[in-house]
Amino acid sequence: VNGAGLAMATMDIIKHYGAEPANFLDVGGD
């Protein structure tokens, strides 16, 4: 994901659908 906020939201929505994220990965804005 790009952006820490979007990365956190992405992990949350994966958990919402019943799975678990394998990582936090923010590639950065640039």
PDB file of all heavy atoms in Angstrom:
ATOM      1  N   VAL A   1       0.851  -1.182   0.000  1.00  0.00           N
ATOM      2  CA  VAL A   1       0.000   0.000   0.000  1.00  0.00           C
ATOM      3  C   VAL A   1       0.893   1.240   0.000  1.00  0.00           C
ATOM      4  O   VAL A   1       2.045   1.178   0.432  1.00  0.00           O
ATOM      5  CB  VAL A   1      -0.919   0.004   1.244  1.00  0.00           C
ATOM      6  CG1 VAL A   1      -1.988   1.073   1.130  1.00  0.00           C
ATOM      7  CG2 VAL A   1      -1.567  -1.366   1.454  1.00  0.00           C
ATOM      8  N   ASN A   2       0.384   2.369  -0.479  1.00  0.00           N
ATOM      9  CA  ASN A   2       1.120   3.623  -0.347  1.00  0.00           C
ATOM     10  C   ASN A   2       0.408   4.528   0.648  1.00  0.00           C
ATOM     11  O   ASN A   2      -0.766   4.843   0.488  1.00  0.00           O
ATOM     12  CB  ASN A   2       1.290   4.321  -1.704  1.00  0.00           C
ATOM     13  CG  ASN A   2      -0.026   4.807  -2.274  1.00  0.00           C
ATOM     14  OD1 ASN A   2      -1.033   4.099  -2.237  1.00  0.00           O
ATOM     15  ND2 ASN A   2      -0.020   6.007  -2.836  1.00  0.00           N
ATOM     16  N   GLY A   3       1.114   4.880   1.705  1.00  0.00           N
ATOM     17  CA  GLY A   3       0.532   5.706   2.755  1.00  0.00           C
ATOM     18  C   GLY A   3       0.212   4.874   3.989  1.00  0.00           C
ATOM     19  O   GLY A   3      -0.444   3.830   3.889  1.00  0.00           O
ATOM     20  N   ALA A   4       0.675   5.338   5.159  1.00  0.00           N
ATOM     21  CA  ALA A   4       0.497   4.570   6.390  1.00  0.00           C
ATOM     22  C   ALA A   4      -0.980   4.438   6.768  1.00  0.00           C
ATOM     23  O   ALA A   4      -1.433   3.387   7.215  1.00  0.00           O
ATOM     24  CB  ALA A   4       1.278   5.231   7.523  1.00  0.00           C
ATOM     25  N   GLY A   5      -1.755   5.521   6.569  1.00  0.00           N
ATOM     26  CA  GLY A   5      -3.175   5.466   6.917  1.00  0.00           C
ATOM     27  C   GLY A   5      -3.923   4.466   6.067  1.00  0.00           C
ATOM     28  O   GLY A   5      -4.730   3.675   6.573  1.00  0.00           O
ATOM     29  N   LEU A   6      -3.646   4.485   4.755  1.00  0.00           N
ATOM     30  CA  LEU A   6      -4.304   3.538   3.860  1.00  0.00           C
ATOM     31  C   LEU A   6      -3.847   2.111   4.166  1.00  0.00           C
ATOM     32  O   LEU A   6      -4.633   1.168   4.067  1.00  0.00           O
ATOM     33  CB  LEU A   6      -3.989   3.901   2.406  1.00  0.00           C
ATOM     34  CG  LEU A   6      -4.719   3.088   1.326  1.00  0.00           C
ATOM     35  CD1 LEU A   6      -6.230   3.222   1.470  1.00  0.00           C
ATOM     36  CD2 LEU A   6      -4.275   3.525  -0.060  1.00  0.00           C
ATOM     37  N   ALA A   7      -2.581   1.968   4.563  1.00  0.00           N
ATOM     38  CA  ALA A   7      -2.076   0.638   4.910  1.00  0.00           C
ATOM     39  C   ALA A   7      -2.805   0.083   6.139  1.00  0.00           C
ATOM     40  O   ALA A   7      -3.171  -1.099   6.176  1.00  0.00           O
ATOM     41  CB  ALA A   7      -0.574   0.698   5.172  1.00  0.00           C
ATOM     42  N   MET A   8      -3.014   0.932   7.143  1.00  0.00           N
ATOM     43  CA  MET A   8      -3.738   0.485   8.340  1.00  0.00           C
ATOM     44  C   MET A   8      -5.184   0.130   7.991  1.00  0.00           C
ATOM     45  O   MET A   8      -5.725  -0.880   8.464  1.00  0.00           O
ATOM     46  CB  MET A   8      -3.712   1.584   9.403  1.00  0.00           C
ATOM     47  CG  MET A   8      -2.327   1.901   9.946  1.00  0.00           C
ATOM     48  SD  MET A   8      -1.564   0.511  10.801  1.00  0.00           S
ATOM     49  CE  MET A   8      -2.599   0.422  12.256  1.00  0.00           C
ATOM     50  N   ALA A   9      -5.815   0.961   7.152  1.00  0.00           N
ATOM     51  CA  ALA A   9      -7.192   0.681   6.750  1.00  0.00           C
ATOM     52  C   ALA A   9      -7.277  -0.621   5.954  1.00  0.00           C
ATOM     53  O   ALA A   9      -8.241  -1.386   6.086  1.00  0.00           O
ATOM     54  CB  ALA A   9      -7.731   1.847   5.919  1.00  0.00           C
ATOM     55  N   THR A  10      -6.262  -0.880   5.128  1.00  0.00           N
ATOM     56  CA  THR A  10      -6.241  -2.111   4.338  1.00  0.00           C
ATOM     57  C   THR A  10      -6.144  -3.330   5.246  1.00  0.00           C
ATOM     58  O   THR A  10      -6.835  -4.335   5.042  1.00  0.00           O
ATOM     59  CB  THR A  10      -5.055  -2.081   3.355  1.00  0.00           C
ATOM     60  OG1 THR A  10      -5.194  -0.932   2.503  1.00  0.00           O
ATOM     61  CG2 THR A  10      -5.018  -3.338   2.503  1.00  0.00           C
ATOM     62  N   MET A  11      -5.294  -3.263   6.256  1.00  0.00           N
ATOM     63  CA  MET A  11      -5.180  -4.376   7.196  1.00  0.00           C
ATOM     64  C   MET A  11      -6.488  -4.581   7.955  1.00  0.00           C
ATOM     65  O   MET A  11      -6.920  -5.720   8.183  1.00  0.00           O
ATOM     66  CB  MET A  11      -4.032  -4.133   8.167  1.00  0.00           C
ATOM     67  CG  MET A  11      -2.656  -4.162   7.505  1.00  0.00           C
ATOM     68  SD  MET A  11      -1.289  -4.248   8.679  1.00  0.00           S
ATOM     69  CE  MET A  11      -1.497  -2.707   9.548  1.00  0.00           C
ATOM     70  N   ASP A  12      -7.124  -3.472   8.316  1.00  0.00           N
ATOM     71  CA  ASP A  12      -8.401  -3.575   9.036  1.00  0.00           C
ATOM     72  C   ASP A  12      -9.463  -4.277   8.195  1.00  0.00           C
ATOM     73  O   ASP A  12     -10.211  -5.127   8.688  1.00  0.00           O
ATOM     74  CB  ASP A  12      -8.904  -2.183   9.433  1.00  0.00           C
ATOM     75  CG  ASP A  12      -8.146  -1.608  10.619  1.00  0.00           C
ATOM     76  OD1 ASP A  12      -7.457  -2.373  11.309  1.00  0.00           O
ATOM     77  OD2 ASP A  12      -8.247  -0.381  10.848  1.00  0.00           O
ATOM     78  N   ILE A  13      -9.531  -3.918   6.913  1.00  0.00           N
ATOM     79  CA  ILE A  13     -10.598  -4.479   6.088  1.00  0.00           C
ATOM     80  C   ILE A  13     -10.325  -5.947   5.750  1.00  0.00           C
ATOM     81  O   ILE A  13     -11.253  -6.744   5.570  1.00  0.00           O
ATOM     82  CB  ILE A  13     -10.821  -3.618   4.817  1.00  0.00           C
ATOM     83  CG1 ILE A  13     -12.242  -3.850   4.287  1.00  0.00           C
ATOM     84  CG2 ILE A  13      -9.768  -3.895   3.751  1.00  0.00           C
ATOM     85  CD1 ILE A  13     -12.693  -2.806   3.298  1.00  0.00           C
ATOM     86  N   ILE A  14      -9.048  -6.339   5.699  1.00  0.00           N
ATOM     87  CA  ILE A  14      -8.716  -7.757   5.538  1.00  0.00           C
ATOM     88  C   ILE A  14      -9.209  -8.544   6.750  1.00  0.00           C
ATOM     89  O   ILE A  14      -9.812  -9.614   6.613  1.00  0.00           O
ATOM     90  CB  ILE A  14      -7.196  -7.930   5.345  1.00  0.00           C
ATOM     91  CG1 ILE A  14      -6.787  -7.471   3.943  1.00  0.00           C
ATOM     92  CG2 ILE A  14      -6.777  -9.398   5.550  1.00  0.00           C
ATOM     93  CD1 ILE A  14      -5.288  -7.428   3.732  1.00  0.00           C
ATOM     94  N   LYS A  15      -8.986  -7.990   7.935  1.00  0.00           N
ATOM     95  CA  LYS A  15      -9.467  -8.649   9.149  1.00  0.00           C
ATOM     96  C   LYS A  15     -10.999  -8.678   9.168  1.00  0.00           C
ATOM     97  O   LYS A  15     -11.605  -9.651   9.627  1.00  0.00           O
ATOM     98  CB  LYS A  15      -8.934  -7.930  10.386  1.00  0.00           C
ATOM     99  CG  LYS A  15      -7.433  -8.087  10.595  1.00  0.00           C
ATOM    100  CD  LYS A  15      -6.924  -7.284  11.766  1.00  0.00           C
ATOM    101  CE  LYS A  15      -7.380  -7.862  13.089  1.00  0.00           C
ATOM    102  NZ  LYS A  15      -6.685  -9.110  13.414  1.00  0.00           N
ATOM    103  N   HIS A  16     -11.613  -7.607   8.663  1.00  0.00           N
ATOM    104  CA  HIS A  16     -13.079  -7.551   8.626  1.00  0.00           C
ATOM    105  C   HIS A  16     -13.661  -8.707   7.824  1.00  0.00           C
ATOM    106  O   HIS A  16     -14.714  -9.248   8.172  1.00  0.00           O
ATOM    107  CB  HIS A  16     -13.520  -6.214   8.023  1.00  0.00           C
ATOM    108  CG  HIS A  16     -14.996  -6.098   7.813  1.00  0.00           C
ATOM    109  ND1 HIS A  16     -15.890  -5.901   8.850  1.00  0.00           N
ATOM    110  CD2 HIS A  16     -15.761  -6.175   6.681  1.00  0.00           C
ATOM    111  CE1 HIS A  16     -17.130  -5.866   8.378  1.00  0.00           C
ATOM    112  NE2 HIS A  16     -17.076  -6.016   7.058  1.00  0.00           N
ATOM    113  N   TYR A  17     -12.960  -9.093   6.756  1.00  0.00           N
ATOM    114  CA  TYR A  17     -13.469 -10.179   5.913  1.00  0.00           C
ATOM    115  C   TYR A  17     -12.958 -11.553   6.356  1.00  0.00           C
ATOM    116  O   TYR A  17     -13.106 -12.533   5.631  1.00  0.00           O
ATOM    117  CB  TYR A  17     -13.127  -9.912   4.448  1.00  0.00           C
ATOM    118  CG  TYR A  17     -14.070  -8.896   3.822  1.00  0.00           C
ATOM    119  CD1 TYR A  17     -13.668  -7.578   3.628  1.00  0.00           C
ATOM    120  CD2 TYR A  17     -15.373  -9.245   3.473  1.00  0.00           C
ATOM    121  CE1 TYR A  17     -14.530  -6.642   3.082  1.00  0.00           C
ATOM    122  CE2 TYR A  17     -16.241  -8.318   2.939  1.00  0.00           C
ATOM    123  CZ  TYR A  17     -15.823  -7.017   2.750  1.00  0.00           C
ATOM    124  OH  TYR A  17     -16.695  -6.089   2.211  1.00  0.00           O
ATOM    125  N   GLY A  18     -12.353 -11.607   7.552  1.00  0.00           N
ATOM    126  CA  GLY A  18     -12.079 -12.902   8.161  1.00  0.00           C
ATOM    127  C   GLY A  18     -10.686 -13.455   7.982  1.00  0.00           C
ATOM    128  O   GLY A  18     -10.435 -14.619   8.316  1.00  0.00           O
ATOM    129  N   ALA A  19      -9.755 -12.646   7.478  1.00  0.00           N
ATOM    130  CA  ALA A  19      -8.380 -13.122   7.299  1.00  0.00           C
ATOM    131  C   ALA A  19      -7.430 -12.244   8.113  1.00  0.00           C
ATOM    132  O   ALA A  19      -7.853 -11.303   8.784  1.00  0.00           O
ATOM    133  CB  ALA A  19      -7.993 -13.127   5.831  1.00  0.00           C
ATOM    134  N   GLU A  20      -6.137 -12.555   8.038  1.00  0.00           N
ATOM    135  CA  GLU A  20      -5.137 -11.814   8.783  1.00  0.00           C
ATOM    136  C   GLU A  20      -4.047 -11.301   7.838  1.00  0.00           C
ATOM    137  O   GLU A  20      -3.567 -12.045   6.979  1.00  0.00           O
ATOM    138  CB  GLU A  20      -4.484 -12.699   9.855  1.00  0.00           C
ATOM    139  CG  GLU A  20      -5.428 -13.139  10.960  1.00  0.00           C
ATOM    140  CD  GLU A  20      -5.834 -11.992  11.877  1.00  0.00           C
ATOM    141  OE1 GLU A  20      -5.050 -11.021  12.001  1.00  0.00           O
ATOM    142  OE2 GLU A  20      -6.933 -12.057  12.455  1.00  0.00           O
ATOM    143  N   PRO A  21      -3.659 -10.034   7.988  1.00  0.00           N
ATOM    144  CA  PRO A  21      -2.576  -9.504   7.146  1.00  0.00           C
ATOM    145  C   PRO A  21      -1.228 -10.121   7.522  1.00  0.00           C
ATOM    146  O   PRO A  21      -0.961 -10.384   8.693  1.00  0.00           O
ATOM    147  CB  PRO A  21      -2.594  -8.005   7.439  1.00  0.00           C
ATOM    148  CG  PRO A  21      -3.212  -7.890   8.802  1.00  0.00           C
ATOM    149  CD  PRO A  21      -4.199  -9.013   8.907  1.00  0.00           C
ATOM    150  N   ALA A  22      -0.391 -10.332   6.528  1.00  0.00           N
ATOM    151  CA  ALA A  22       0.935 -10.911   6.764  1.00  0.00           C
ATOM    152  C   ALA A  22       1.976  -9.844   7.049  1.00  0.00           C
ATOM    153  O   ALA A  22       3.095 -10.180   7.458  1.00  0.00           O
ATOM    154  CB  ALA A  22       1.368 -11.733   5.548  1.00  0.00           C
ATOM    155  N   ASN A  23       1.601  -8.582   6.830  1.00  0.00           N
ATOM    156  CA  ASN A  23       2.593  -7.522   7.005  1.00  0.00           C
ATOM    157  C   ASN A  23       1.933  -6.154   6.964  1.00  0.00           C
ATOM    158  O   ASN A  23       0.791  -6.001   6.530  1.00  0.00           O
ATOM    159  CB  ASN A  23       3.649  -7.582   5.890  1.00  0.00           C
ATOM    160  CG  ASN A  23       3.023  -7.367   4.521  1.00  0.00           C
ATOM    161  OD1 ASN A  23       2.548  -8.307   3.900  1.00  0.00           O
ATOM    162  ND2 ASN A  23       2.990  -6.119   4.059  1.00  0.00           N
ATOM    163  N   PHE A  24       2.676  -5.187   7.423  1.00  0.00           N
ATOM    164  CA  PHE A  24       2.413  -3.772   7.139  1.00  0.00           C
ATOM    165  C   PHE A  24       3.475  -3.368   6.132  1.00  0.00           C
ATOM    166  O   PHE A  24       4.669  -3.582   6.366  1.00  0.00           O
ATOM    167  CB  PHE A  24       2.541  -2.949   8.420  1.00  0.00           C
ATOM    168  CG  PHE A  24       2.515  -1.449   8.196  1.00  0.00           C
ATOM    169  CD1 PHE A  24       1.335  -0.744   8.311  1.00  0.00           C
ATOM    170  CD2 PHE A  24       3.681  -0.759   7.875  1.00  0.00           C
ATOM    171  CE1 PHE A  24       1.311   0.636   8.111  1.00  0.00           C
ATOM    172  CE2 PHE A  24       3.666   0.612   7.661  1.00  0.00           C
ATOM    173  CZ  PHE A  24       2.480   1.304   7.783  1.00  0.00           C
ATOM    174  N   LEU A  25       3.078  -2.795   5.009  1.00  0.00           N
ATOM    175  CA  LEU A  25       4.050  -2.352   4.009  1.00  0.00           C
ATOM    176  C   LEU A  25       3.555  -1.077   3.340  1.00  0.00           C
ATOM    177  O   LEU A  25       2.579  -1.088   2.589  1.00  0.00           O
ATOM    178  CB  LEU A  25       4.302  -3.429   2.957  1.00  0.00           C
ATOM    179  CG  LEU A  25       5.203  -3.023   1.778  1.00  0.00           C
ATOM    180  CD1 LEU A  25       6.533  -2.479   2.273  1.00  0.00           C
ATOM    181  CD2 LEU A  25       5.439  -4.206   0.849  1.00  0.00           C
ATOM    182  N   ASP A  26       4.254   0.007   3.637  1.00  0.00           N
ATOM    183  CA  ASP A  26       3.981   1.307   3.024  1.00  0.00           C
ATOM    184  C   ASP A  26       5.147   1.628   2.092  1.00  0.00           C
ATOM    185  O   ASP A  26       6.275   1.813   2.549  1.00  0.00           O
ATOM    186  CB  ASP A  26       3.849   2.362   4.125  1.00  0.00           C
ATOM    187  CG  ASP A  26       3.779   3.784   3.590  1.00  0.00           C
ATOM    188  OD1 ASP A  26       3.545   3.946   2.372  1.00  0.00           O
ATOM    189  OD2 ASP A  26       3.959   4.723   4.386  1.00  0.00           O
ATOM    190  N   VAL A  27       4.877   1.663   0.777  1.00  0.00           N
ATOM    191  CA  VAL A  27       5.954   1.932  -0.178  1.00  0.00           C
ATOM    192  C   VAL A  27       6.308   3.414  -0.237  1.00  0.00           C
ATOM    193  O   VAL A  27       7.299   3.793  -0.858  1.00  0.00           O
ATOM    194  CB  VAL A  27       5.599   1.428  -1.599  1.00  0.00           C
ATOM    195  CG1 VAL A  27       5.422  -0.068  -1.608  1.00  0.00           C
ATOM    196  CG2 VAL A  27       4.356   2.140  -2.128  1.00  0.00           C
ATOM    197  N   GLY A  28       5.506   4.256   0.411  1.00  0.00           N
ATOM    198  CA  GLY A  28       5.814   5.682   0.468  1.00  0.00           C
ATOM    199  C   GLY A  28       5.155   6.477  -0.635  1.00  0.00           C
ATOM    200  O   GLY A  28       4.718   5.933  -1.651  1.00  0.00           O
ATOM    201  N   GLY A  29       5.104   7.777  -0.421  1.00  0.00           N
ATOM    202  CA  GLY A  29       4.436   8.651  -1.377  1.00  0.00           C
ATOM    203  C   GLY A  29       5.257   8.972  -2.600  1.00  0.00           C
ATOM    204  O   GLY A  29       4.728   9.490  -3.582  1.00  0.00           O
ATOM    205  N   ASP A  30       6.564   8.691  -2.551  1.00  0.00           N
ATOM    206  CA  ASP A  30       7.424   9.010  -3.689  1.00  0.00           C
ATOM    207  C   ASP A  30       8.144   7.767  -4.200  1.00  0.00           C
ATOM    208  O   ASP A  30       9.283   7.841  -4.664  1.00  0.00           O
ATOM    209  CB  ASP A  30       8.439  10.082  -3.305  1.00  0.00           C
ATOM    210  CG  ASP A  30       9.317   9.649  -2.134  1.00  0.00           C
ATOM    211  OD1 ASP A  30       8.970   8.646  -1.473  1.00  0.00           O
ATOM    212  OD2 ASP A  30      10.336  10.314  -1.885  1.00  0.00           O
TER     213      ASP A  30
END
